[in-house]
Every structure is written in C-alpha cells, then in structure tokens.
N, C-alpha and C. Protein backbone atom coordinates (compact mmCIF):
# COMPACT_ATOMS: atom_id res chain seq x y z
N MET A 1 -26.73 27.54 4.65
CA MET A 1 -26.49 27.68 3.00
C MET A 1 -27.52 28.73 2.49
N LEU A 2 -27.34 29.82 1.83
CA LEU A 2 -28.28 30.93 1.26
C LEU A 2 -28.47 30.65 0.12
N THR A 3 -29.78 31.08 -0.69
CA THR A 3 -29.74 30.79 -1.90
C THR A 3 -29.50 32.10 -2.64
N ASN A 4 -28.71 32.04 -3.94
CA ASN A 4 -28.51 33.17 -4.55
C ASN A 4 -29.49 33.89 -5.52
N ALA A 5 -30.64 33.39 -5.45
CA ALA A 5 -31.85 33.68 -5.85
C ALA A 5 -33.15 33.51 -5.18
N GLY A 6 -34.15 34.34 -5.37
CA GLY A 6 -35.77 33.95 -4.91
C GLY A 6 -36.11 33.32 -5.48
N ASN A 7 -35.48 32.69 -6.90
CA ASN A 7 -36.58 31.72 -7.59
C ASN A 7 -35.56 30.48 -8.09
N THR A 8 -36.41 29.63 -8.21
CA THR A 8 -35.63 28.20 -8.61
C THR A 8 -34.77 28.18 -9.90
N ALA A 9 -35.36 28.70 -10.79
CA ALA A 9 -34.38 28.78 -12.09
C ALA A 9 -33.09 29.54 -11.75
N GLY A 10 -33.13 30.89 -11.17
CA GLY A 10 -32.07 31.68 -10.78
C GLY A 10 -30.92 30.91 -9.98
N SER A 11 -31.54 30.17 -8.84
CA SER A 11 -30.79 29.46 -8.00
C SER A 11 -30.20 28.03 -8.37
N LEU A 12 -30.94 27.43 -9.28
CA LEU A 12 -30.11 26.34 -9.95
C LEU A 12 -29.13 26.87 -10.89
N ILE A 13 -29.27 27.87 -11.70
CA ILE A 13 -28.48 27.90 -12.56
C ILE A 13 -26.97 28.59 -12.05
N SER A 14 -27.18 29.47 -10.87
CA SER A 14 -26.00 29.74 -9.83
C SER A 14 -25.19 28.47 -9.36
N ILE A 15 -25.93 27.33 -9.07
CA ILE A 15 -25.20 26.44 -8.88
C ILE A 15 -24.33 25.58 -9.82
N TYR A 16 -25.25 25.37 -10.83
CA TYR A 16 -24.46 24.64 -12.23
C TYR A 16 -23.34 25.65 -12.47
N THR A 17 -23.19 27.01 -12.48
CA THR A 17 -22.24 27.78 -13.27
C THR A 17 -21.41 28.20 -12.34
N GLY A 18 -21.64 28.12 -11.11
CA GLY A 18 -20.71 29.11 -10.11
C GLY A 18 -20.77 30.49 -10.21
N LYS A 19 -21.79 30.85 -10.82
CA LYS A 19 -21.59 32.46 -11.15
C LYS A 19 -23.19 32.90 -10.77
N TYR A 20 -23.04 34.39 -10.30
CA TYR A 20 -24.32 34.94 -9.73
C TYR A 20 -25.16 35.29 -10.63
N PRO A 21 -26.70 35.41 -10.41
CA PRO A 21 -27.50 35.69 -11.20
C PRO A 21 -27.26 36.82 -11.72
N SER A 22 -26.64 37.97 -10.89
CA SER A 22 -26.39 39.26 -11.57
C SER A 22 -25.53 39.35 -12.82
N ASP A 23 -24.47 37.88 -12.81
CA ASP A 23 -23.81 37.88 -13.95
C ASP A 23 -24.14 37.02 -15.31
N THR A 24 -25.10 36.04 -14.75
CA THR A 24 -25.62 35.44 -15.78
C THR A 24 -27.02 35.90 -16.62
N ARG A 25 -27.32 36.84 -15.57
CA ARG A 25 -28.87 37.45 -15.83
C ARG A 25 -29.90 36.74 -15.53
N VAL A 26 -29.72 35.31 -15.24
CA VAL A 26 -30.94 34.29 -15.17
C VAL A 26 -31.36 34.63 -13.60
N LEU A 27 -32.79 34.75 -13.77
CA LEU A 27 -33.52 35.04 -12.48
C LEU A 27 -34.71 33.83 -12.51
N PHE A 28 -35.19 33.91 -13.79
CA PHE A 28 -36.60 33.29 -13.58
C PHE A 28 -36.93 32.74 -15.29
N ALA A 29 -37.54 31.74 -15.54
CA ALA A 29 -37.87 31.53 -16.88
C ALA A 29 -38.87 32.74 -17.20
N PRO A 30 -38.61 33.04 -18.63
CA PRO A 30 -38.30 32.55 -19.71
C PRO A 30 -36.63 32.93 -20.12
N VAL A 31 -36.09 33.45 -19.15
CA VAL A 31 -34.83 34.23 -19.27
C VAL A 31 -33.84 32.92 -19.30
N ILE A 32 -32.79 32.97 -20.35
CA ILE A 32 -32.21 31.99 -20.71
C ILE A 32 -30.57 32.01 -20.27
N LEU A 33 -30.05 31.27 -20.08
CA LEU A 33 -28.35 31.59 -20.27
C LEU A 33 -28.08 31.79 -21.76
N LYS A 34 -26.83 32.73 -21.89
CA LYS A 34 -26.49 33.16 -23.25
C LYS A 34 -24.84 32.67 -23.55
N ASP A 35 -24.59 32.89 -24.72
CA ASP A 35 -23.23 32.85 -25.25
C ASP A 35 -22.29 31.96 -24.55
N GLN A 36 -21.26 32.22 -23.78
CA GLN A 36 -20.47 31.39 -23.05
C GLN A 36 -20.87 30.83 -21.82
N ASP A 37 -21.69 31.61 -21.35
CA ASP A 37 -22.47 31.17 -20.14
C ASP A 37 -23.10 29.92 -20.08
N SER A 38 -23.59 30.00 -21.30
CA SER A 38 -24.35 28.27 -21.54
C SER A 38 -23.49 27.25 -21.52
N LYS A 39 -22.25 27.35 -21.86
CA LYS A 39 -21.39 26.29 -22.13
C LYS A 39 -20.47 26.11 -20.88
N GLU A 40 -20.44 27.03 -19.91
CA GLU A 40 -19.62 26.91 -18.91
C GLU A 40 -20.39 26.29 -17.80
N SER A 41 -20.09 25.37 -17.21
CA SER A 41 -20.89 24.65 -15.98
C SER A 41 -20.03 23.62 -15.53
N LEU A 42 -20.49 23.25 -14.14
CA LEU A 42 -20.63 22.00 -13.54
C LEU A 42 -20.24 20.87 -14.20
N LEU A 43 -21.37 20.74 -14.86
CA LEU A 43 -21.90 19.85 -15.84
C LEU A 43 -20.77 19.51 -17.06
N SER A 44 -20.36 20.36 -17.69
CA SER A 44 -19.25 20.35 -18.82
C SER A 44 -17.76 19.73 -17.83
N LEU A 45 -17.67 20.15 -16.83
CA LEU A 45 -16.45 19.61 -16.10
C LEU A 45 -16.20 18.11 -15.87
N LEU A 46 -17.56 18.04 -15.35
CA LEU A 46 -17.91 16.25 -15.16
C LEU A 46 -17.96 15.38 -16.36
N GLU A 47 -18.33 16.24 -17.57
CA GLU A 47 -18.49 15.39 -18.83
C GLU A 47 -16.88 14.96 -19.22
N GLN A 48 -16.02 15.93 -19.30
CA GLN A 48 -14.63 15.60 -19.27
C GLN A 48 -14.13 14.45 -18.26
N LEU A 49 -14.59 14.31 -17.19
CA LEU A 49 -14.37 13.20 -16.30
C LEU A 49 -15.29 11.81 -16.40
N ASP A 50 -15.83 11.63 -17.41
CA ASP A 50 -16.53 10.74 -17.85
C ASP A 50 -17.62 10.42 -16.92
N TYR A 51 -18.25 11.47 -16.30
CA TYR A 51 -19.27 11.14 -15.51
C TYR A 51 -20.57 11.14 -16.35
N SER A 52 -21.36 10.14 -15.99
CA SER A 52 -22.81 10.20 -16.57
C SER A 52 -23.70 11.42 -15.75
N SER A 53 -24.77 11.93 -16.12
CA SER A 53 -25.33 12.66 -15.35
C SER A 53 -26.92 13.16 -15.95
N THR A 54 -28.00 12.98 -14.83
CA THR A 54 -29.43 13.19 -14.91
C THR A 54 -30.00 14.15 -14.10
N LEU A 55 -30.63 14.52 -14.57
CA LEU A 55 -31.51 15.51 -13.83
C LEU A 55 -33.12 15.25 -13.56
N PHE A 56 -33.76 15.30 -12.59
CA PHE A 56 -34.80 15.08 -12.29
C PHE A 56 -35.59 16.12 -11.89
N SER A 57 -36.18 16.89 -12.29
CA SER A 57 -36.97 18.32 -11.83
C SER A 57 -38.38 18.55 -12.63
N TYR A 58 -38.64 19.63 -12.87
CA TYR A 58 -40.16 19.79 -13.63
C TYR A 58 -39.58 20.96 -15.16
N PRO A 59 -39.95 20.59 -16.08
CA PRO A 59 -40.11 21.09 -17.29
C PRO A 59 -40.70 22.25 -17.13
N TYR A 60 -40.01 23.38 -17.87
CA TYR A 60 -40.33 24.69 -17.87
C TYR A 60 -40.41 25.71 -16.64
N PHE A 61 -39.95 24.59 -15.51
CA PHE A 61 -39.57 25.49 -14.22
C PHE A 61 -38.33 25.25 -13.55
N ALA A 62 -37.64 24.33 -13.94
CA ALA A 62 -36.46 23.77 -13.12
C ALA A 62 -35.67 22.82 -14.38
N ASP A 63 -36.03 23.13 -15.52
CA ASP A 63 -35.10 22.08 -16.52
C ASP A 63 -34.05 23.17 -16.98
N ALA A 64 -33.13 22.41 -16.94
CA ALA A 64 -31.63 22.79 -17.49
C ALA A 64 -31.64 23.17 -19.03
N TYR A 65 -32.24 22.22 -19.97
CA TYR A 65 -32.23 22.36 -21.26
C TYR A 65 -33.31 23.49 -21.57
N ASP A 66 -34.39 23.41 -20.65
CA ASP A 66 -35.18 25.18 -20.91
C ASP A 66 -34.63 26.20 -20.42
N LEU A 67 -33.60 26.09 -19.79
CA LEU A 67 -32.54 27.20 -19.38
C LEU A 67 -31.54 27.44 -20.36
N ASN A 68 -31.30 26.43 -21.21
CA ASN A 68 -30.33 26.69 -22.19
C ASN A 68 -28.80 26.34 -21.69
N LEU A 69 -28.59 25.32 -20.65
CA LEU A 69 -27.49 25.01 -20.27
C LEU A 69 -27.19 23.98 -21.19
N GLN A 70 -26.18 24.36 -22.11
CA GLN A 70 -25.96 23.50 -23.42
C GLN A 70 -24.99 22.11 -22.97
N SER A 71 -23.76 22.54 -22.28
CA SER A 71 -22.87 21.61 -21.94
C SER A 71 -23.40 21.12 -20.76
N GLY A 72 -24.53 20.39 -20.73
CA GLY A 72 -25.11 19.77 -19.52
C GLY A 72 -25.44 18.48 -19.35
N PHE A 73 -26.60 18.04 -18.66
CA PHE A 73 -27.01 16.76 -18.30
C PHE A 73 -27.30 15.75 -19.69
N ASP A 74 -26.66 14.37 -19.17
CA ASP A 74 -27.01 13.48 -20.76
C ASP A 74 -28.78 13.41 -20.46
N ASN A 75 -29.43 13.45 -19.38
CA ASN A 75 -30.76 13.22 -19.57
C ASN A 75 -31.31 14.28 -18.55
N ALA A 76 -32.21 15.01 -18.92
CA ALA A 76 -33.07 15.82 -18.02
C ALA A 76 -34.29 15.65 -18.27
N ASN A 77 -35.07 15.20 -17.31
CA ASN A 77 -36.52 15.03 -17.30
C ASN A 77 -37.02 13.99 -18.26
N GLY A 78 -36.40 13.06 -18.70
CA GLY A 78 -36.70 12.36 -19.72
C GLY A 78 -36.40 12.65 -21.07
N ARG A 79 -35.74 13.50 -21.14
CA ARG A 79 -34.96 14.11 -22.64
C ARG A 79 -33.70 13.85 -22.60
N SER A 80 -33.01 13.34 -23.97
CA SER A 80 -31.70 12.76 -23.80
C SER A 80 -30.88 14.37 -24.48
N ARG A 81 -29.55 14.14 -24.47
CA ARG A 81 -28.91 15.15 -24.76
C ARG A 81 -29.03 15.57 -26.42
N ASN A 82 -29.65 14.40 -27.28
CA ASN A 82 -29.93 14.52 -28.59
C ASN A 82 -30.71 15.61 -28.75
N SER A 83 -31.68 15.74 -27.69
CA SER A 83 -32.82 16.81 -28.16
C SER A 83 -32.27 18.21 -27.99
N THR A 84 -31.00 18.57 -27.60
CA THR A 84 -30.46 19.88 -27.70
C THR A 84 -29.41 20.07 -29.10
N LYS A 85 -29.46 19.06 -29.71
CA LYS A 85 -28.71 19.25 -31.01
C LYS A 85 -29.31 20.12 -32.06
N LEU A 86 -30.78 20.50 -32.13
CA LEU A 86 -31.22 21.27 -32.74
C LEU A 86 -30.77 22.63 -32.58
N ILE A 87 -31.01 23.00 -30.99
CA ILE A 87 -30.29 24.42 -30.73
C ILE A 87 -28.76 24.66 -31.01
N ASN A 88 -28.01 23.58 -30.74
CA ASN A 88 -26.74 23.78 -31.35
C ASN A 88 -26.55 23.98 -32.87
N PHE A 89 -27.51 23.72 -33.65
CA PHE A 89 -27.19 23.92 -34.92
C PHE A 89 -27.75 25.28 -35.43
N LEU A 90 -28.84 25.74 -34.31
CA LEU A 90 -29.33 26.90 -34.86
C LEU A 90 -28.41 28.03 -34.17
N ASN A 91 -27.70 27.66 -33.10
CA ASN A 91 -26.98 28.84 -32.56
C ASN A 91 -25.67 28.92 -33.83
N GLN A 92 -25.43 28.33 -34.36
CA GLN A 92 -24.43 28.71 -35.57
C GLN A 92 -24.84 29.71 -36.52
N TYR A 93 -26.23 29.84 -36.68
CA TYR A 93 -26.79 31.21 -37.38
C TYR A 93 -27.44 32.28 -36.85
N PHE A 94 -27.87 31.74 -35.58
CA PHE A 94 -28.60 33.14 -35.04
C PHE A 94 -28.27 33.17 -33.31
N ASP A 95 -28.54 34.44 -33.26
CA ASP A 95 -28.31 34.69 -31.56
C ASP A 95 -28.74 33.80 -30.50
N SER A 96 -28.43 33.96 -29.35
CA SER A 96 -28.92 33.28 -28.33
C SER A 96 -30.33 33.28 -28.24
N ASN A 97 -31.05 34.66 -28.02
CA ASN A 97 -32.46 34.59 -28.10
C ASN A 97 -33.30 34.04 -29.35
N GLN A 98 -32.63 34.31 -30.35
CA GLN A 98 -33.55 34.00 -31.67
C GLN A 98 -33.36 32.33 -31.58
N SER A 99 -32.22 31.58 -31.47
CA SER A 99 -31.88 30.24 -31.52
C SER A 99 -33.02 29.44 -30.45
N PHE A 100 -33.01 30.29 -29.29
CA PHE A 100 -33.94 29.61 -28.38
C PHE A 100 -35.22 29.69 -28.56
N PHE A 101 -35.71 30.63 -29.09
CA PHE A 101 -37.03 30.95 -29.14
C PHE A 101 -37.45 29.73 -30.60
N LEU A 102 -36.65 29.64 -31.37
CA LEU A 102 -36.94 28.84 -32.50
C LEU A 102 -36.93 27.36 -31.80
N TYR A 103 -35.93 27.13 -30.87
CA TYR A 103 -36.01 25.68 -30.53
C TYR A 103 -37.15 25.29 -29.52
N GLN A 104 -37.50 26.20 -28.96
CA GLN A 104 -39.03 26.28 -28.11
C GLN A 104 -40.31 25.88 -28.94
N ILE A 105 -40.22 26.75 -29.62
CA ILE A 105 -41.24 26.55 -30.62
C ILE A 105 -41.37 24.92 -31.11
N SER A 106 -40.42 24.74 -31.47
CA SER A 106 -40.27 23.25 -32.52
C SER A 106 -40.59 22.70 -31.25
N ILE A 107 -39.70 22.26 -30.17
CA ILE A 107 -40.29 21.33 -28.67
C ILE A 107 -41.66 21.23 -28.77
N ARG A 108 -42.42 22.30 -28.64
CA ARG A 108 -43.79 22.47 -28.08
C ARG A 108 -44.68 22.24 -28.98
N LEU A 109 -44.38 22.49 -30.36
CA LEU A 109 -45.38 21.98 -31.62
C LEU A 109 -45.05 20.61 -31.71
N SER A 110 -44.00 19.88 -31.32
CA SER A 110 -43.77 18.40 -31.44
C SER A 110 -44.28 17.93 -29.99
N GLU A 111 -44.44 18.63 -29.07
CA GLU A 111 -45.37 18.07 -27.97
C GLU A 111 -46.44 17.97 -28.10
N ARG A 112 -47.07 18.93 -28.95
CA ARG A 112 -48.80 18.91 -29.01
C ARG A 112 -49.18 18.23 -29.96
N ILE A 113 -48.37 18.06 -31.20
CA ILE A 113 -48.65 17.17 -32.34
C ILE A 113 -48.55 15.64 -31.67
N SER A 114 -47.77 15.37 -30.95
CA SER A 114 -47.33 14.09 -30.45
C SER A 114 -48.80 13.80 -29.30
N HIS A 115 -49.55 14.97 -28.69
CA HIS A 115 -50.42 14.75 -28.04
C HIS A 115 -51.35 14.46 -28.87
N ILE A 116 -51.63 15.08 -29.83
CA ILE A 116 -53.21 14.91 -30.52
C ILE A 116 -53.14 13.83 -31.42
N PHE A 117 -52.12 13.13 -31.53
CA PHE A 117 -51.86 12.06 -32.41
C PHE A 117 -51.80 10.57 -31.13
N TYR A 118 -51.93 11.12 -30.03
CA TYR A 118 -51.94 9.92 -28.76
C TYR A 118 -50.51 9.26 -29.04
N ILE A 119 -49.47 10.17 -29.35
CA ILE A 119 -48.38 9.32 -29.22
C ILE A 119 -47.72 9.40 -27.57
N GLN A 120 -47.99 10.52 -26.99
CA GLN A 120 -47.49 10.56 -25.74
C GLN A 120 -48.36 11.90 -25.34
N ASP A 121 -48.71 12.03 -23.67
CA ASP A 121 -49.38 12.73 -23.04
C ASP A 121 -48.67 14.22 -22.90
N MET A 122 -48.94 14.96 -22.96
CA MET A 122 -48.16 16.34 -22.52
C MET A 122 -48.03 16.21 -20.92
N VAL A 123 -46.96 17.15 -20.43
CA VAL A 123 -47.08 17.25 -19.05
C VAL A 123 -48.01 17.97 -18.58
N ASP A 124 -48.38 17.56 -17.49
CA ASP A 124 -49.67 17.80 -16.55
C ASP A 124 -49.45 19.13 -15.45
N PHE A 125 -49.11 20.22 -15.53
CA PHE A 125 -48.89 21.16 -14.32
C PHE A 125 -50.05 21.39 -13.34
N SER A 126 -51.26 20.84 -13.73
CA SER A 126 -52.18 21.26 -12.71
C SER A 126 -51.92 21.27 -11.45
N PRO A 127 -51.10 20.09 -11.12
CA PRO A 127 -50.71 20.03 -9.30
C PRO A 127 -50.17 21.07 -8.73
N LEU A 128 -49.48 21.58 -9.67
CA LEU A 128 -48.66 22.97 -9.15
C LEU A 128 -49.70 23.90 -8.63
N SER A 129 -50.39 24.46 -9.56
CA SER A 129 -51.42 25.39 -9.49
C SER A 129 -52.48 25.18 -8.12
N GLN A 130 -52.72 23.95 -8.04
CA GLN A 130 -53.23 23.23 -6.42
C GLN A 130 -52.62 22.93 -5.60
N ASN A 131 -51.36 23.49 -5.76
CA ASN A 131 -50.39 23.28 -4.44
C ASN A 131 -50.58 21.64 -3.97
N ASN A 132 -50.46 21.04 -5.04
CA ASN A 132 -50.46 19.45 -4.61
C ASN A 132 -49.30 18.70 -5.12
N ALA A 133 -48.28 18.89 -3.91
CA ALA A 133 -46.85 18.28 -4.19
C ALA A 133 -47.23 16.72 -4.50
N GLN A 134 -48.29 15.97 -4.26
CA GLN A 134 -48.16 14.58 -4.33
C GLN A 134 -48.39 14.29 -6.11
N GLY A 135 -48.64 14.90 -6.71
CA GLY A 135 -49.00 15.12 -8.02
C GLY A 135 -47.80 14.89 -9.10
N PHE A 136 -46.64 15.07 -8.38
CA PHE A 136 -45.16 15.02 -8.74
C PHE A 136 -44.41 14.12 -7.68
N ASP A 137 -44.38 12.62 -8.13
CA ASP A 137 -43.98 11.72 -7.04
C ASP A 137 -42.58 12.04 -7.03
N ASP A 138 -42.04 12.51 -5.92
CA ASP A 138 -40.56 12.60 -5.52
C ASP A 138 -40.32 11.08 -5.21
N GLU A 139 -40.94 10.24 -4.59
CA GLU A 139 -40.27 8.83 -4.16
C GLU A 139 -39.85 8.23 -5.79
N ASP A 140 -40.80 8.29 -6.56
CA ASP A 140 -40.44 7.69 -8.09
C ASP A 140 -38.98 8.29 -8.56
N LYS A 141 -38.71 9.78 -8.25
CA LYS A 141 -37.52 10.22 -8.67
C LYS A 141 -36.31 9.68 -7.82
N PHE A 142 -36.47 9.28 -6.35
CA PHE A 142 -35.33 8.85 -5.92
C PHE A 142 -35.23 7.28 -6.02
N ASP A 143 -36.29 6.76 -6.42
CA ASP A 143 -36.22 5.32 -6.87
C ASP A 143 -35.36 4.93 -8.15
N THR A 144 -35.86 5.96 -9.13
CA THR A 144 -35.28 5.92 -10.48
C THR A 144 -33.46 6.15 -10.17
N ALA A 145 -33.38 7.23 -9.48
CA ALA A 145 -32.02 7.60 -9.25
C ALA A 145 -30.98 6.47 -8.64
N ILE A 146 -31.55 5.83 -7.84
CA ILE A 146 -31.11 4.69 -7.22
C ILE A 146 -30.77 3.38 -8.42
N ARG A 147 -31.81 3.30 -9.04
CA ARG A 147 -31.55 2.05 -10.07
C ARG A 147 -30.63 2.62 -11.05
N ILE A 148 -30.26 4.15 -11.58
CA ILE A 148 -29.46 4.43 -12.53
C ILE A 148 -28.11 4.12 -11.69
N ILE A 149 -27.85 4.60 -10.44
CA ILE A 149 -26.38 4.41 -9.86
C ILE A 149 -26.16 2.92 -9.60
N LYS A 150 -26.90 1.97 -9.56
CA LYS A 150 -26.82 0.64 -9.41
C LYS A 150 -26.51 0.01 -10.94
N GLN A 151 -26.94 0.57 -11.67
CA GLN A 151 -26.86 -0.08 -13.16
C GLN A 151 -25.62 0.97 -14.21
N THR A 152 -25.19 1.64 -13.78
CA THR A 152 -24.19 2.51 -14.58
C THR A 152 -22.58 2.15 -13.91
N ASP A 153 -21.61 1.97 -14.67
CA ASP A 153 -20.84 1.34 -14.43
C ASP A 153 -19.55 2.58 -14.02
N ASN A 154 -20.04 3.90 -14.91
CA ASN A 154 -19.27 5.11 -15.02
C ASN A 154 -19.77 5.81 -13.72
N PRO A 155 -18.60 7.10 -13.37
CA PRO A 155 -19.49 7.81 -12.09
C PRO A 155 -20.56 8.38 -12.44
N VAL A 156 -21.39 8.90 -11.41
CA VAL A 156 -22.70 9.23 -11.82
C VAL A 156 -22.97 10.82 -10.95
N PHE A 157 -23.59 11.42 -11.77
CA PHE A 157 -23.74 12.65 -11.31
C PHE A 157 -25.46 12.92 -10.94
N ILE A 158 -26.37 12.99 -10.19
CA ILE A 158 -27.76 13.00 -10.36
C ILE A 158 -28.18 14.17 -9.57
N HIS A 159 -29.10 15.12 -10.08
CA HIS A 159 -29.52 16.16 -9.48
C HIS A 159 -31.23 16.23 -9.37
N ILE A 160 -31.44 15.72 -7.90
CA ILE A 160 -33.30 15.57 -7.90
C ILE A 160 -33.62 17.17 -7.46
N HIS A 161 -34.61 17.49 -8.10
CA HIS A 161 -35.07 18.87 -7.38
C HIS A 161 -36.36 18.20 -6.76
N SER A 162 -36.63 18.19 -5.41
CA SER A 162 -37.68 17.76 -4.89
C SER A 162 -39.13 18.63 -4.94
N LEU A 163 -40.06 18.33 -4.97
CA LEU A 163 -41.35 19.12 -4.95
C LEU A 163 -42.14 19.24 -3.57
N GLU A 164 -41.98 17.85 -3.06
CA GLU A 164 -43.16 17.43 -1.72
C GLU A 164 -42.23 18.37 -0.58
N THR A 165 -41.22 18.98 -0.73
CA THR A 165 -40.77 19.50 0.55
C THR A 165 -41.01 21.06 0.35
N HIS A 166 -41.73 21.43 -0.78
CA HIS A 166 -42.02 23.05 -1.13
C HIS A 166 -43.38 23.45 -0.33
N GLY A 167 -43.96 22.47 -0.03
CA GLY A 167 -45.34 23.02 0.72
C GLY A 167 -46.42 23.54 -0.15
N PRO A 168 -47.43 24.35 0.34
CA PRO A 168 -47.43 24.71 1.83
C PRO A 168 -47.90 23.83 2.95
N LYS A 169 -48.46 22.71 2.58
CA LYS A 169 -49.04 21.73 3.25
C LYS A 169 -48.16 20.20 2.92
N PHE A 170 -48.10 19.40 3.57
CA PHE A 170 -47.50 18.14 3.57
C PHE A 170 -48.19 16.87 4.01
N THR A 171 -48.03 15.95 3.27
CA THR A 171 -48.87 14.61 3.09
C THR A 171 -47.79 13.66 3.26
N PRO A 172 -46.98 13.49 4.47
CA PRO A 172 -45.89 12.47 4.45
C PRO A 172 -46.57 11.11 4.69
N LYS A 173 -46.08 10.03 4.09
CA LYS A 173 -46.47 8.85 4.38
C LYS A 173 -46.49 7.96 5.95
N ILE A 174 -45.12 8.47 6.13
CA ILE A 174 -44.88 8.22 7.57
C ILE A 174 -44.78 9.18 8.32
N GLN A 175 -44.90 9.65 9.72
CA GLN A 175 -44.95 10.77 10.31
C GLN A 175 -43.74 10.65 11.56
N VAL A 176 -42.93 11.30 11.47
CA VAL A 176 -41.82 11.28 12.36
C VAL A 176 -41.67 12.32 13.41
N TYR A 177 -41.28 13.58 13.14
CA TYR A 177 -41.55 14.75 13.62
C TYR A 177 -42.71 15.34 14.20
N SER A 178 -43.84 14.87 13.24
CA SER A 178 -45.20 15.27 13.41
C SER A 178 -46.13 14.08 13.85
N LYS A 179 -45.69 13.25 14.10
CA LYS A 179 -46.40 11.83 14.56
C LYS A 179 -47.77 12.01 15.84
N LYS A 180 -47.29 13.36 16.53
CA LYS A 180 -48.39 13.70 17.53
C LYS A 180 -49.39 14.56 17.06
N ASP A 181 -48.93 15.03 15.62
CA ASP A 181 -49.94 16.24 15.21
C ASP A 181 -50.91 15.34 14.18
N ASP A 182 -52.23 16.21 13.96
CA ASP A 182 -53.24 15.94 12.97
C ASP A 182 -52.75 16.30 11.75
N ILE A 183 -52.59 15.38 10.91
CA ILE A 183 -52.06 16.02 9.27
C ILE A 183 -52.99 17.14 8.97
N TYR A 184 -54.56 16.66 9.09
CA TYR A 184 -55.64 17.53 8.63
C TYR A 184 -55.68 18.98 9.30
N LEU A 185 -54.93 19.15 10.28
CA LEU A 185 -55.18 20.28 11.43
C LEU A 185 -53.80 21.21 11.14
N GLN A 186 -52.61 20.80 10.34
CA GLN A 186 -51.47 21.40 10.05
C GLN A 186 -51.63 22.70 9.59
N GLN A 187 -51.06 23.70 9.87
CA GLN A 187 -50.90 25.17 9.32
C GLN A 187 -50.10 25.25 8.44
N GLU A 188 -50.02 26.16 7.60
CA GLU A 188 -49.26 26.45 6.39
C GLU A 188 -47.66 26.50 6.71
N TYR A 189 -46.99 25.56 5.83
CA TYR A 189 -45.48 25.39 6.02
C TYR A 189 -45.12 25.06 7.38
N ASP A 190 -46.15 24.35 8.17
CA ASP A 190 -45.44 23.97 9.47
C ASP A 190 -44.30 23.17 9.57
N ILE A 191 -43.46 23.41 10.31
CA ILE A 191 -42.03 23.05 10.57
C ILE A 191 -42.05 21.57 10.93
N ASN A 192 -43.04 21.07 11.62
CA ASN A 192 -42.86 19.47 12.25
C ASN A 192 -43.28 18.75 10.82
N PHE A 193 -44.02 19.07 10.10
CA PHE A 193 -44.60 18.29 8.70
C PHE A 193 -43.58 18.69 7.87
N PHE A 194 -42.86 19.89 7.70
CA PHE A 194 -41.87 20.09 6.74
C PHE A 194 -40.42 18.97 7.04
N MET A 195 -40.25 18.78 8.43
CA MET A 195 -39.24 18.01 8.86
C MET A 195 -39.45 16.51 8.37
N THR A 196 -40.84 16.49 8.83
CA THR A 196 -41.16 14.93 8.35
C THR A 196 -40.87 14.61 7.19
N THR A 197 -41.49 15.30 6.17
CA THR A 197 -41.39 15.06 4.89
C THR A 197 -39.91 14.86 4.44
N ALA A 198 -39.24 15.61 4.75
CA ALA A 198 -37.87 15.82 4.45
C ALA A 198 -37.21 14.71 4.70
N SER A 199 -37.14 14.22 5.95
CA SER A 199 -36.75 12.92 6.83
C SER A 199 -36.90 11.96 6.03
N TRP A 200 -38.48 12.10 5.48
CA TRP A 200 -38.83 10.79 5.16
C TRP A 200 -38.27 9.93 3.53
N ILE A 201 -38.02 11.42 3.03
CA ILE A 201 -37.44 11.31 1.50
C ILE A 201 -35.89 10.62 1.85
N LEU A 202 -35.31 11.55 2.71
CA LEU A 202 -33.85 10.79 3.03
C LEU A 202 -34.00 9.27 3.38
N ILE A 203 -34.54 9.11 4.29
CA ILE A 203 -34.70 7.75 4.79
C ILE A 203 -35.19 6.68 3.69
N ASN A 204 -35.90 7.00 3.09
CA ASN A 204 -36.30 6.17 1.94
C ASN A 204 -35.19 6.04 0.94
N MET A 205 -34.40 7.10 0.63
CA MET A 205 -33.58 6.98 -0.17
C MET A 205 -32.31 6.25 0.27
N LEU A 206 -31.72 6.01 1.73
CA LEU A 206 -30.95 5.35 2.47
C LEU A 206 -31.28 3.99 2.32
N ASP A 207 -32.66 3.68 2.71
CA ASP A 207 -32.90 2.22 2.98
C ASP A 207 -32.91 1.55 1.50
N ASN A 208 -33.06 2.26 0.36
CA ASN A 208 -32.74 1.52 -0.98
C ASN A 208 -31.08 1.57 -0.97
C-alpha cells in the first residue's frame, strides 16, 4: 500500500473521501476540505447504513473535524458531532474559509477559557515535539475501541491513528522481534523495534 500524500492530513482525507490530494487540495493542516468535498466521504455512506463511527487521532494534526469533514464521525477525539453544528450554521452565511476560520476561533477560545477557569485541561502536545510517543497512549485508544464495539448494538466503524509506531525510537512493553536487542542502544527507526511495537499493539487488541 502506498500513501497518497507525504503528510498525515492529506493521507487521511484521501482515505476518507476516495479522492486524490490534488483534487481536494488538502495536504496538511491548516488547509481544509471545502464545499462539496467536505460532505462527500466514506463516513457519510456509513451513516446512511446506520453505522456509529469514532475517530481516535490527535487534535490539530489528524482530526477529521479540524480538517472540515462535515459528514463525518459521530465522535472524534472526545468531541461529538454536536460540536460541528456551529460550522454548519456558519456555512450558510460565509464561504468555507471564512466559516472555518470563525469556527476555529470559537473552539480555541472555548478551550482556553475552560482551561483558565479549571473546567478542562488543554491538550498537551509537548510529547510530539520531544518525539515521545508514550505521551499519547495508543493502548488506551485500543482499549476504548474494544469497549465501544462490545457496548454498541449498531455496526461500528472506528479509525485509530496510532502514534507509537511513528518512531524514531520505540519503547515496547514486550519485546518480540527485538527481544535480543538492547532497547537503549537501538538506532532511529530500527526495523526490529518497529515490528515489535506494531505486533504488540495488534496482539494486545486481539487478546481483548
């Protein structure tokens, strides 16, 4: 399988819409889906088939709502589809760029005000800048996905965007392909540690 873009946002939008980045013009944030492209996606088809859908990724990096996928997930990274009602309202009066700009301002102001008054913590992206994949616990995402599948009667579509397999170094809890290697002496993007991390995530998901 080959990716259609050299960036997460462009790749995901291509998967969701079935369109090339050269058609949607989405390669990386803050570029967004516009007009009809924002409404035509795999998720809109699944919705018609009564699927419930959830996205586990990272806000501002690979979030369907932040990329303006309007007929999208019921829940994306803790936000429900209700959070997109504002942009649907704005789209009635402004073009895609203007409405999305106003939408993002309202979301970010809300997050900061909530943080100031101790209502909720803001998302901490420092682990990304430190190449610390453990700061975003993929295991929790898989555990939550399994719980959703078990508790939901409708057919379910869940997209999990894993960070722990991105590298450049890996910290698997159980070493498989790399069990003879010293975890502290690994080279960047060491294939043995990469395969171990990917296998551990898959094994953990199947065991549950």
